[in-house]
All heavy atoms as atom14 arrays in JSON, in Angstrom:
{
  "sequence": "ALAKRIGNKLWGKVSSAKVAVCGLGGLGSNIAVMLARAGVGKLYLID",
  "atom14_mask": [
    [1, 1, 1, 1, 1, 0, 0, 0, 0, 0, 0, 0, 0, 0],
    [1, 1, 1, 1, 1, 1, 1, 1, 0, 0, 0, 0, 0, 0],
    [1, 1, 1, 1, 1, 0, 0, 0, 0, 0, 0, 0, 0, 0],
    [1, 1, 1, 1, 1, 1, 1, 1, 1, 0, 0, 0, 0, 0],
    [1, 1, 1, 1, 1, 1, 1, 1, 1, 1, 1, 0, 0, 0],
    [1, 1, 1, 1, 1, 1, 1, 1, 0, 0, 0, 0, 0, 0],
    [1, 1, 1, 1, 0, 0, 0, 0, 0, 0, 0, 0, 0, 0],
    [1, 1, 1, 1, 1, 1, 1, 1, 0, 0, 0, 0, 0, 0],
    [1, 1, 1, 1, 1, 1, 1, 1, 1, 0, 0, 0, 0, 0],
    [1, 1, 1, 1, 1, 1, 1, 1, 0, 0, 0, 0, 0, 0],
    [1, 1, 1, 1, 1, 1, 1, 1, 1, 1, 1, 1, 1, 1],
    [1, 1, 1, 1, 0, 0, 0, 0, 0, 0, 0, 0, 0, 0],
    [1, 1, 1, 1, 1, 1, 1, 1, 1, 0, 0, 0, 0, 0],
    [1, 1, 1, 1, 1, 1, 1, 0, 0, 0, 0, 0, 0, 0],
    [1, 1, 1, 1, 1, 1, 0, 0, 0, 0, 0, 0, 0, 0],
    [1, 1, 1, 1, 1, 1, 0, 0, 0, 0, 0, 0, 0, 0],
    [1, 1, 1, 1, 1, 0, 0, 0, 0, 0, 0, 0, 0, 0],
    [1, 1, 1, 1, 1, 1, 1, 1, 1, 0, 0, 0, 0, 0],
    [1, 1, 1, 1, 1, 1, 1, 0, 0, 0, 0, 0, 0, 0],
    [1, 1, 1, 1, 1, 0, 0, 0, 0, 0, 0, 0, 0, 0],
    [1, 1, 1, 1, 1, 1, 1, 0, 0, 0, 0, 0, 0, 0],
    [1, 1, 1, 1, 1, 1, 0, 0, 0, 0, 0, 0, 0, 0],
    [1, 1, 1, 1, 0, 0, 0, 0, 0, 0, 0, 0, 0, 0],
    [1, 1, 1, 1, 1, 1, 1, 1, 0, 0, 0, 0, 0, 0],
    [1, 1, 1, 1, 0, 0, 0, 0, 0, 0, 0, 0, 0, 0],
    [1, 1, 1, 1, 0, 0, 0, 0, 0, 0, 0, 0, 0, 0],
    [1, 1, 1, 1, 1, 1, 1, 1, 0, 0, 0, 0, 0, 0],
    [1, 1, 1, 1, 0, 0, 0, 0, 0, 0, 0, 0, 0, 0],
    [1, 1, 1, 1, 1, 1, 0, 0, 0, 0, 0, 0, 0, 0],
    [1, 1, 1, 1, 1, 1, 1, 1, 0, 0, 0, 0, 0, 0],
    [1, 1, 1, 1, 1, 1, 1, 1, 0, 0, 0, 0, 0, 0],
    [1, 1, 1, 1, 1, 0, 0, 0, 0, 0, 0, 0, 0, 0],
    [1, 1, 1, 1, 1, 1, 1, 0, 0, 0, 0, 0, 0, 0],
    [1, 1, 1, 1, 1, 1, 1, 1, 0, 0, 0, 0, 0, 0],
    [1, 1, 1, 1, 1, 1, 1, 1, 0, 0, 0, 0, 0, 0],
    [1, 1, 1, 1, 1, 0, 0, 0, 0, 0, 0, 0, 0, 0],
    [1, 1, 1, 1, 1, 1, 1, 1, 1, 1, 1, 0, 0, 0],
    [1, 1, 1, 1, 1, 0, 0, 0, 0, 0, 0, 0, 0, 0],
    [1, 1, 1, 1, 0, 0, 0, 0, 0, 0, 0, 0, 0, 0],
    [1, 1, 1, 1, 1, 1, 1, 0, 0, 0, 0, 0, 0, 0],
    [1, 1, 1, 1, 0, 0, 0, 0, 0, 0, 0, 0, 0, 0],
    [1, 1, 1, 1, 1, 1, 1, 1, 1, 0, 0, 0, 0, 0],
    [1, 1, 1, 1, 1, 1, 1, 1, 0, 0, 0, 0, 0, 0],
    [1, 1, 1, 1, 1, 1, 1, 1, 1, 1, 1, 1, 0, 0],
    [1, 1, 1, 1, 1, 1, 1, 1, 0, 0, 0, 0, 0, 0],
    [1, 1, 1, 1, 1, 1, 1, 1, 0, 0, 0, 0, 0, 0],
    [1, 1, 1, 1, 1, 1, 1, 1, 0, 0, 0, 0, 0, 0]
  ],
  "atom14_positions": [
    [[0.82, -1.21, 0.0], [0.0, 0.0, 0.0], [0.86, 1.26, 0.0], [0.58, 2.22, -0.72], [-0.93, -0.01, 1.21], [0.0, 0.0, 0.0], [0.0, 0.0, 0.0], [0.0, 0.0, 0.0], [0.0, 0.0, 0.0], [0.0, 0.0, 0.0], [0.0, 0.0, 0.0], [0.0, 0.0, 0.0], [0.0, 0.0, 0.0], [0.0, 0.0, 0.0]],
    [[1.92, 1.26, 0.8], [2.8, 2.43, 0.85], [3.57, 2.6, -0.45], [3.71, 3.72, -0.96], [3.78, 2.3, 2.02], [3.27, 2.81, 3.36], [4.21, 2.4, 4.48], [3.13, 4.32, 3.34], [0.0, 0.0, 0.0], [0.0, 0.0, 0.0], [0.0, 0.0, 0.0], [0.0, 0.0, 0.0], [0.0, 0.0, 0.0], [0.0, 0.0, 0.0]],
    [[4.06, 1.51, -1.0], [4.8, 1.59, -2.26], [3.9, 2.1, -3.39], [4.33, 2.88, -4.24], [5.37, 0.22, -2.62], [0.0, 0.0, 0.0], [0.0, 0.0, 0.0], [0.0, 0.0, 0.0], [0.0, 0.0, 0.0], [0.0, 0.0, 0.0], [0.0, 0.0, 0.0], [0.0, 0.0, 0.0], [0.0, 0.0, 0.0], [0.0, 0.0, 0.0]],
    [[2.65, 1.69, -3.37], [1.7, 2.16, -4.37], [1.44, 3.65, -4.21], [1.27, 4.37, -5.19], [0.4, 1.37, -4.25], [-0.63, 1.7, -5.32], [-1.87, 0.82, -5.18], [-2.9, 1.14, -6.27], [-4.11, 0.28, -6.13], [0.0, 0.0, 0.0], [0.0, 0.0, 0.0], [0.0, 0.0, 0.0], [0.0, 0.0, 0.0], [0.0, 0.0, 0.0]],
    [[1.43, 4.12, -2.98], [1.13, 5.52, -2.7], [2.29, 6.43, -3.08], [2.08, 7.5, -3.68], [0.8, 5.68, -1.21], [0.61, 7.11, -0.74], [-0.55, 7.8, -1.38], [-1.83, 7.16, -1.07], [-3.0, 7.56, -1.53], [-3.05, 8.6, -2.35], [-4.1, 6.92, -1.21], [0.0, 0.0, 0.0], [0.0, 0.0, 0.0], [0.0, 0.0, 0.0]],
    [[3.53, 6.05, -2.76], [4.66, 6.96, -2.98], [5.62, 6.51, -4.08], [6.55, 7.24, -4.41], [5.46, 7.16, -1.67], [6.14, 5.86, -1.22], [4.55, 7.7, -0.57], [7.04, 6.03, 0.0], [0.0, 0.0, 0.0], [0.0, 0.0, 0.0], [0.0, 0.0, 0.0], [0.0, 0.0, 0.0], [0.0, 0.0, 0.0], [0.0, 0.0, 0.0]],
    [[5.39, 5.34, -4.65], [6.26, 4.85, -5.71], [7.33, 3.92, -5.17], [7.83, 4.1, -4.06], [0.0, 0.0, 0.0], [0.0, 0.0, 0.0], [0.0, 0.0, 0.0], [0.0, 0.0, 0.0], [0.0, 0.0, 0.0], [0.0, 0.0, 0.0], [0.0, 0.0, 0.0], [0.0, 0.0, 0.0], [0.0, 0.0, 0.0], [0.0, 0.0, 0.0]],
    [[7.68, 2.92, -5.96], [8.63, 1.9, -5.5], [10.01, 2.47, -5.19], [10.67, 2.04, -4.24], [8.75, 0.8, -6.55], [7.52, -0.1, -6.58], [6.93, -0.4, -5.55], [7.12, -0.51, -7.78], [0.0, 0.0, 0.0], [0.0, 0.0, 0.0], [0.0, 0.0, 0.0], [0.0, 0.0, 0.0], [0.0, 0.0, 0.0], [0.0, 0.0, 0.0]],
    [[10.46, 3.44, -6.0], [11.81, 3.98, -5.8], [11.92, 4.69, -4.46], [12.84, 4.44, -3.66], [12.17, 4.93, -6.94], [13.59, 5.48, -6.83], [13.92, 6.37, -8.03], [15.34, 6.91, -7.93], [15.68, 7.79, -9.07], [0.0, 0.0, 0.0], [0.0, 0.0, 0.0], [0.0, 0.0, 0.0], [0.0, 0.0, 0.0], [0.0, 0.0, 0.0]],
    [[10.97, 5.6, -4.17], [11.0, 6.32, -2.9], [10.74, 5.38, -1.74], [11.36, 5.5, -0.68], [9.98, 7.45, -2.92], [9.92, 8.31, -1.64], [11.29, 8.89, -1.3], [8.88, 9.42, -1.79], [0.0, 0.0, 0.0], [0.0, 0.0, 0.0], [0.0, 0.0, 0.0], [0.0, 0.0, 0.0], [0.0, 0.0, 0.0], [0.0, 0.0, 0.0]],
    [[9.82, 4.43, -1.93], [9.55, 3.47, -0.86], [10.81, 2.69, -0.49], [11.1, 2.47, 0.68], [8.45, 2.5, -1.29], [8.39, 1.25, -0.45], [8.62, -0.01, -0.87], [8.12, 1.15, 0.95], [8.51, -0.9, 0.18], [8.2, -0.2, 1.31], [7.81, 2.09, 1.93], [7.99, -0.65, 2.6], [7.59, 1.64, 3.23], [7.68, 0.29, 3.55]],
    [[11.6, 2.31, -1.48], [12.83, 1.59, -1.2], [13.79, 2.4, -0.34], [14.45, 1.86, 0.56], [0.0, 0.0, 0.0], [0.0, 0.0, 0.0], [0.0, 0.0, 0.0], [0.0, 0.0, 0.0], [0.0, 0.0, 0.0], [0.0, 0.0, 0.0], [0.0, 0.0, 0.0], [0.0, 0.0, 0.0], [0.0, 0.0, 0.0], [0.0, 0.0, 0.0]],
    [[13.86, 3.7, -0.61], [14.75, 4.57, 0.18], [14.21, 4.8, 1.58], [14.94, 4.69, 2.58], [14.92, 5.91, -0.53], [15.67, 5.84, -1.84], [15.84, 7.24, -2.44], [16.65, 7.2, -3.72], [16.92, 8.56, -4.25], [0.0, 0.0, 0.0], [0.0, 0.0, 0.0], [0.0, 0.0, 0.0], [0.0, 0.0, 0.0], [0.0, 0.0, 0.0]],
    [[12.93, 5.12, 1.67], [12.32, 5.43, 2.96], [12.33, 4.22, 3.88], [12.66, 4.32, 5.07], [10.88, 5.95, 2.76], [10.15, 6.06, 4.1], [10.9, 7.31, 2.06], [0.0, 0.0, 0.0], [0.0, 0.0, 0.0], [0.0, 0.0, 0.0], [0.0, 0.0, 0.0], [0.0, 0.0, 0.0], [0.0, 0.0, 0.0], [0.0, 0.0, 0.0]],
    [[12.02, 3.07, 3.34], [11.89, 1.86, 4.16], [13.23, 1.37, 4.71], [13.25, 0.59, 5.66], [11.21, 0.75, 3.37], [12.0, 0.38, 2.25], [0.0, 0.0, 0.0], [0.0, 0.0, 0.0], [0.0, 0.0, 0.0], [0.0, 0.0, 0.0], [0.0, 0.0, 0.0], [0.0, 0.0, 0.0], [0.0, 0.0, 0.0], [0.0, 0.0, 0.0]],
    [[14.33, 1.83, 4.14], [15.64, 1.43, 4.64], [16.32, 2.52, 5.45], [17.43, 2.33, 5.95], [16.55, 1.01, 3.47], [16.74, 2.09, 2.58], [0.0, 0.0, 0.0], [0.0, 0.0, 0.0], [0.0, 0.0, 0.0], [0.0, 0.0, 0.0], [0.0, 0.0, 0.0], [0.0, 0.0, 0.0], [0.0, 0.0, 0.0], [0.0, 0.0, 0.0]],
    [[15.67, 3.67, 5.61], [16.26, 4.8, 6.33], [16.18, 4.6, 7.84], [15.24, 4.0, 8.35], [15.56, 6.09, 5.93], [0.0, 0.0, 0.0], [0.0, 0.0, 0.0], [0.0, 0.0, 0.0], [0.0, 0.0, 0.0], [0.0, 0.0, 0.0], [0.0, 0.0, 0.0], [0.0, 0.0, 0.0], [0.0, 0.0, 0.0], [0.0, 0.0, 0.0]],
    [[17.19, 5.16, 8.53], [17.25, 5.08, 9.99], [17.38, 6.5, 10.54], [18.34, 7.21, 10.22], [18.46, 4.23, 10.41], [18.36, 2.78, 9.94], [19.6, 1.98, 10.32], [20.8, 2.39, 9.49], [21.98, 1.52, 9.76], [0.0, 0.0, 0.0], [0.0, 0.0, 0.0], [0.0, 0.0, 0.0], [0.0, 0.0, 0.0], [0.0, 0.0, 0.0]],
    [[16.41, 6.88, 11.37], [16.33, 8.26, 11.85], [16.28, 8.27, 13.37], [15.5, 7.54, 13.99], [15.09, 8.97, 11.29], [15.03, 10.42, 11.79], [15.09, 8.94, 9.76], [0.0, 0.0, 0.0], [0.0, 0.0, 0.0], [0.0, 0.0, 0.0], [0.0, 0.0, 0.0], [0.0, 0.0, 0.0], [0.0, 0.0, 0.0], [0.0, 0.0, 0.0]],
    [[17.11, 9.12, 13.97], [17.1, 9.3, 15.43], [16.26, 10.52, 15.78], [16.44, 11.6, 15.19], [18.51, 9.48, 15.96], [0.0, 0.0, 0.0], [0.0, 0.0, 0.0], [0.0, 0.0, 0.0], [0.0, 0.0, 0.0], [0.0, 0.0, 0.0], [0.0, 0.0, 0.0], [0.0, 0.0, 0.0], [0.0, 0.0, 0.0], [0.0, 0.0, 0.0]],
    [[15.34, 10.35, 16.71], [14.52, 11.46, 17.21], [14.94, 11.71, 18.65], [14.69, 10.89, 19.54], [13.02, 11.14, 17.12], [12.21, 12.35, 17.59], [12.63, 10.76, 15.69], [0.0, 0.0, 0.0], [0.0, 0.0, 0.0], [0.0, 0.0, 0.0], [0.0, 0.0, 0.0], [0.0, 0.0, 0.0], [0.0, 0.0, 0.0], [0.0, 0.0, 0.0]],
    [[15.59, 12.84, 18.87], [16.18, 13.17, 20.17], [15.27, 14.14, 20.91], [15.23, 15.33, 20.59], [17.56, 13.77, 19.97], [18.66, 12.74, 18.97], [0.0, 0.0, 0.0], [0.0, 0.0, 0.0], [0.0, 0.0, 0.0], [0.0, 0.0, 0.0], [0.0, 0.0, 0.0], [0.0, 0.0, 0.0], [0.0, 0.0, 0.0], [0.0, 0.0, 0.0]],
    [[14.55, 13.62, 21.88], [13.52, 14.39, 22.56], [12.17, 14.0, 22.03], [11.92, 14.08, 20.83], [0.0, 0.0, 0.0], [0.0, 0.0, 0.0], [0.0, 0.0, 0.0], [0.0, 0.0, 0.0], [0.0, 0.0, 0.0], [0.0, 0.0, 0.0], [0.0, 0.0, 0.0], [0.0, 0.0, 0.0], [0.0, 0.0, 0.0], [0.0, 0.0, 0.0]],
    [[11.26, 13.56, 22.91], [9.98, 13.02, 22.47], [8.8, 13.84, 23.0], [7.77, 13.3, 23.38], [9.85, 11.55, 22.91], [10.99, 10.63, 22.43], [10.77, 9.22, 22.95], [11.11, 10.64, 20.92], [0.0, 0.0, 0.0], [0.0, 0.0, 0.0], [0.0, 0.0, 0.0], [0.0, 0.0, 0.0], [0.0, 0.0, 0.0], [0.0, 0.0, 0.0]],
    [[8.98, 15.15, 23.02], [7.91, 16.04, 23.45], [7.05, 16.47, 22.29], [6.73, 15.68, 21.4], [0.0, 0.0, 0.0], [0.0, 0.0, 0.0], [0.0, 0.0, 0.0], [0.0, 0.0, 0.0], [0.0, 0.0, 0.0], [0.0, 0.0, 0.0], [0.0, 0.0, 0.0], [0.0, 0.0, 0.0], [0.0, 0.0, 0.0], [0.0, 0.0, 0.0]],
    [[6.67, 17.75, 22.28], [5.78, 18.24, 21.23], [6.36, 18.1, 19.84], [5.64, 17.76, 18.89], [0.0, 0.0, 0.0], [0.0, 0.0, 0.0], [0.0, 0.0, 0.0], [0.0, 0.0, 0.0], [0.0, 0.0, 0.0], [0.0, 0.0, 0.0], [0.0, 0.0, 0.0], [0.0, 0.0, 0.0], [0.0, 0.0, 0.0], [0.0, 0.0, 0.0]],
    [[7.63, 18.37, 19.7], [8.28, 18.19, 18.4], [8.51, 16.71, 18.11], [8.05, 16.17, 17.11], [9.62, 18.94, 18.36], [9.56, 20.45, 18.32], [10.95, 21.04, 18.47], [8.92, 20.93, 17.02], [0.0, 0.0, 0.0], [0.0, 0.0, 0.0], [0.0, 0.0, 0.0], [0.0, 0.0, 0.0], [0.0, 0.0, 0.0], [0.0, 0.0, 0.0]],
    [[9.26, 16.05, 18.98], [9.71, 14.7, 18.69], [8.6, 13.68, 18.53], [8.65, 12.83, 17.63], [0.0, 0.0, 0.0], [0.0, 0.0, 0.0], [0.0, 0.0, 0.0], [0.0, 0.0, 0.0], [0.0, 0.0, 0.0], [0.0, 0.0, 0.0], [0.0, 0.0, 0.0], [0.0, 0.0, 0.0], [0.0, 0.0, 0.0], [0.0, 0.0, 0.0]],
    [[7.57, 13.76, 19.38], [6.49, 12.77, 19.26], [5.74, 12.95, 17.94], [5.35, 11.98, 17.3], [5.54, 12.87, 20.45], [4.88, 14.13, 20.5], [0.0, 0.0, 0.0], [0.0, 0.0, 0.0], [0.0, 0.0, 0.0], [0.0, 0.0, 0.0], [0.0, 0.0, 0.0], [0.0, 0.0, 0.0], [0.0, 0.0, 0.0], [0.0, 0.0, 0.0]],
    [[5.55, 14.2, 17.51], [4.88, 14.45, 16.23], [5.77, 14.07, 15.05], [5.28, 13.53, 14.06], [4.46, 15.93, 16.16], [3.21, 16.21, 16.94], [2.13, 15.77, 16.6], [3.35, 16.96, 18.03], [0.0, 0.0, 0.0], [0.0, 0.0, 0.0], [0.0, 0.0, 0.0], [0.0, 0.0, 0.0], [0.0, 0.0, 0.0], [0.0, 0.0, 0.0]],
    [[7.06, 14.37, 15.13], [7.99, 13.96, 14.07], [7.94, 12.45, 13.9], [7.84, 11.93, 12.79], [9.43, 14.4, 14.4], [9.56, 15.92, 14.34], [10.43, 13.75, 13.45], [10.86, 16.44, 14.94], [0.0, 0.0, 0.0], [0.0, 0.0, 0.0], [0.0, 0.0, 0.0], [0.0, 0.0, 0.0], [0.0, 0.0, 0.0], [0.0, 0.0, 0.0]],
    [[8.01, 11.73, 15.01], [8.03, 10.27, 14.95], [6.76, 9.71, 14.33], [6.82, 8.77, 13.52], [8.23, 9.7, 16.35], [0.0, 0.0, 0.0], [0.0, 0.0, 0.0], [0.0, 0.0, 0.0], [0.0, 0.0, 0.0], [0.0, 0.0, 0.0], [0.0, 0.0, 0.0], [0.0, 0.0, 0.0], [0.0, 0.0, 0.0], [0.0, 0.0, 0.0]],
    [[5.61, 10.28, 14.67], [4.34, 9.81, 14.09], [4.35, 10.02, 12.58], [3.96, 9.13, 11.81], [3.14, 10.51, 14.76], [1.88, 10.32, 13.94], [2.94, 9.96, 16.16], [0.0, 0.0, 0.0], [0.0, 0.0, 0.0], [0.0, 0.0, 0.0], [0.0, 0.0, 0.0], [0.0, 0.0, 0.0], [0.0, 0.0, 0.0], [0.0, 0.0, 0.0]],
    [[4.78, 11.19, 12.13], [4.79, 11.46, 10.69], [5.76, 10.55, 9.95], [5.45, 10.06, 8.85], [5.1, 12.93, 10.46], [3.93, 13.85, 10.76], [4.26, 15.61, 10.45], [4.88, 16.12, 12.05], [0.0, 0.0, 0.0], [0.0, 0.0, 0.0], [0.0, 0.0, 0.0], [0.0, 0.0, 0.0], [0.0, 0.0, 0.0], [0.0, 0.0, 0.0]],
    [[6.92, 10.3, 10.53], [7.89, 9.43, 9.86], [7.4, 7.97, 9.85], [7.63, 7.24, 8.89], [9.24, 9.53, 10.55], [9.93, 10.9, 10.45], [11.28, 10.86, 11.16], [10.11, 11.33, 8.99], [0.0, 0.0, 0.0], [0.0, 0.0, 0.0], [0.0, 0.0, 0.0], [0.0, 0.0, 0.0], [0.0, 0.0, 0.0], [0.0, 0.0, 0.0]],
    [[6.72, 7.57, 10.92], [6.15, 6.22, 10.95], [5.09, 6.06, 9.86], [5.06, 5.05, 9.15], [5.55, 5.93, 12.32], [0.0, 0.0, 0.0], [0.0, 0.0, 0.0], [0.0, 0.0, 0.0], [0.0, 0.0, 0.0], [0.0, 0.0, 0.0], [0.0, 0.0, 0.0], [0.0, 0.0, 0.0], [0.0, 0.0, 0.0], [0.0, 0.0, 0.0]],
    [[4.24, 7.05, 9.7], [3.21, 6.99, 8.66], [3.83, 7.0, 7.26], [3.29, 6.39, 6.33], [2.24, 8.17, 8.8], [1.37, 8.1, 10.03], [0.24, 9.12, 9.97], [-0.55, 9.13, 11.19], [-1.49, 8.24, 11.51], [-1.75, 7.25, 10.67], [-2.17, 8.35, 12.64], [0.0, 0.0, 0.0], [0.0, 0.0, 0.0], [0.0, 0.0, 0.0]],
    [[4.97, 7.67, 7.13], [5.64, 7.73, 5.82], [6.36, 6.43, 5.47], [6.76, 6.26, 4.32], [6.63, 8.88, 5.81], [0.0, 0.0, 0.0], [0.0, 0.0, 0.0], [0.0, 0.0, 0.0], [0.0, 0.0, 0.0], [0.0, 0.0, 0.0], [0.0, 0.0, 0.0], [0.0, 0.0, 0.0], [0.0, 0.0, 0.0], [0.0, 0.0, 0.0]],
    [[6.54, 5.54, 6.45], [7.16, 4.26, 6.17], [8.65, 4.17, 6.46], [9.32, 3.24, 5.99], [0.0, 0.0, 0.0], [0.0, 0.0, 0.0], [0.0, 0.0, 0.0], [0.0, 0.0, 0.0], [0.0, 0.0, 0.0], [0.0, 0.0, 0.0], [0.0, 0.0, 0.0], [0.0, 0.0, 0.0], [0.0, 0.0, 0.0], [0.0, 0.0, 0.0]],
    [[9.2, 5.14, 7.23], [10.62, 5.06, 7.58], [10.9, 3.73, 8.28], [10.14, 3.29, 9.13], [11.0, 6.26, 8.48], [12.36, 6.04, 9.12], [11.02, 7.54, 7.66], [0.0, 0.0, 0.0], [0.0, 0.0, 0.0], [0.0, 0.0, 0.0], [0.0, 0.0, 0.0], [0.0, 0.0, 0.0], [0.0, 0.0, 0.0], [0.0, 0.0, 0.0]],
    [[12.01, 3.12, 7.9], [12.28, 1.75, 8.34], [12.6, 1.59, 9.81], [12.14, 0.64, 10.45], [0.0, 0.0, 0.0], [0.0, 0.0, 0.0], [0.0, 0.0, 0.0], [0.0, 0.0, 0.0], [0.0, 0.0, 0.0], [0.0, 0.0, 0.0], [0.0, 0.0, 0.0], [0.0, 0.0, 0.0], [0.0, 0.0, 0.0], [0.0, 0.0, 0.0]],
    [[13.41, 2.51, 10.36], [13.8, 2.36, 11.76], [13.89, 3.72, 12.42], [14.43, 4.68, 11.87], [15.16, 1.66, 11.88], [15.61, 1.43, 13.33], [16.84, 0.54, 13.41], [17.22, 0.25, 14.86], [18.38, -0.67, 14.96], [0.0, 0.0, 0.0], [0.0, 0.0, 0.0], [0.0, 0.0, 0.0], [0.0, 0.0, 0.0], [0.0, 0.0, 0.0]],
    [[13.33, 3.81, 13.64], [13.41, 5.01, 14.44], [14.13, 4.73, 15.75], [13.87, 3.72, 16.4], [12.01, 5.56, 14.75], [11.2, 6.11, 13.59], [9.83, 6.56, 14.08], [11.92, 7.26, 12.9], [0.0, 0.0, 0.0], [0.0, 0.0, 0.0], [0.0, 0.0, 0.0], [0.0, 0.0, 0.0], [0.0, 0.0, 0.0], [0.0, 0.0, 0.0]],
    [[15.06, 5.6, 16.09], [15.7, 5.58, 17.39], [15.0, 6.65, 18.24], [15.03, 7.83, 17.9], [17.18, 5.91, 17.28], [17.96, 4.95, 16.41], [18.06, 5.15, 15.04], [18.61, 3.85, 16.97], [18.77, 4.28, 14.24], [19.33, 2.96, 16.17], [19.4, 3.19, 14.81], [20.11, 2.32, 14.01], [0.0, 0.0, 0.0], [0.0, 0.0, 0.0]],
    [[14.35, 6.25, 19.31], [13.6, 7.16, 20.17], [14.39, 7.39, 21.45], [14.65, 6.44, 22.21], [12.23, 6.58, 20.49], [11.34, 6.2, 19.3], [10.01, 5.65, 19.8], [11.12, 7.38, 18.36], [0.0, 0.0, 0.0], [0.0, 0.0, 0.0], [0.0, 0.0, 0.0], [0.0, 0.0, 0.0], [0.0, 0.0, 0.0], [0.0, 0.0, 0.0]],
    [[14.74, 8.65, 21.72], [15.63, 8.96, 22.83], [15.0, 10.04, 23.71], [14.76, 11.17, 23.26], [17.01, 9.44, 22.31], [17.61, 8.4, 21.35], [17.96, 9.7, 23.48], [18.78, 8.9, 20.54], [0.0, 0.0, 0.0], [0.0, 0.0, 0.0], [0.0, 0.0, 0.0], [0.0, 0.0, 0.0], [0.0, 0.0, 0.0], [0.0, 0.0, 0.0]],
    [[14.74, 9.7, 24.96], [14.2, 10.66, 25.93], [14.24, 10.0, 27.31], [14.04, 8.79, 27.43], [12.76, 11.06, 25.59], [12.33, 12.35, 26.25], [12.48, 12.48, 27.48], [11.85, 13.26, 25.54], [0.0, 0.0, 0.0], [0.0, 0.0, 0.0], [0.0, 0.0, 0.0], [0.0, 0.0, 0.0], [0.0, 0.0, 0.0], [0.0, 0.0, 0.0]]
  ]
}
């Protein structure tokens, strides 16, 4: 479903990306939700 929505090329990049979110308050918790919905492969949550 995600690959169909954003295209296979971008899905391949997003699904293998690793992003650290430092601080999980108003900024970090919202950033993490958006990146999860976008299909980012791995999140490091630090707080």
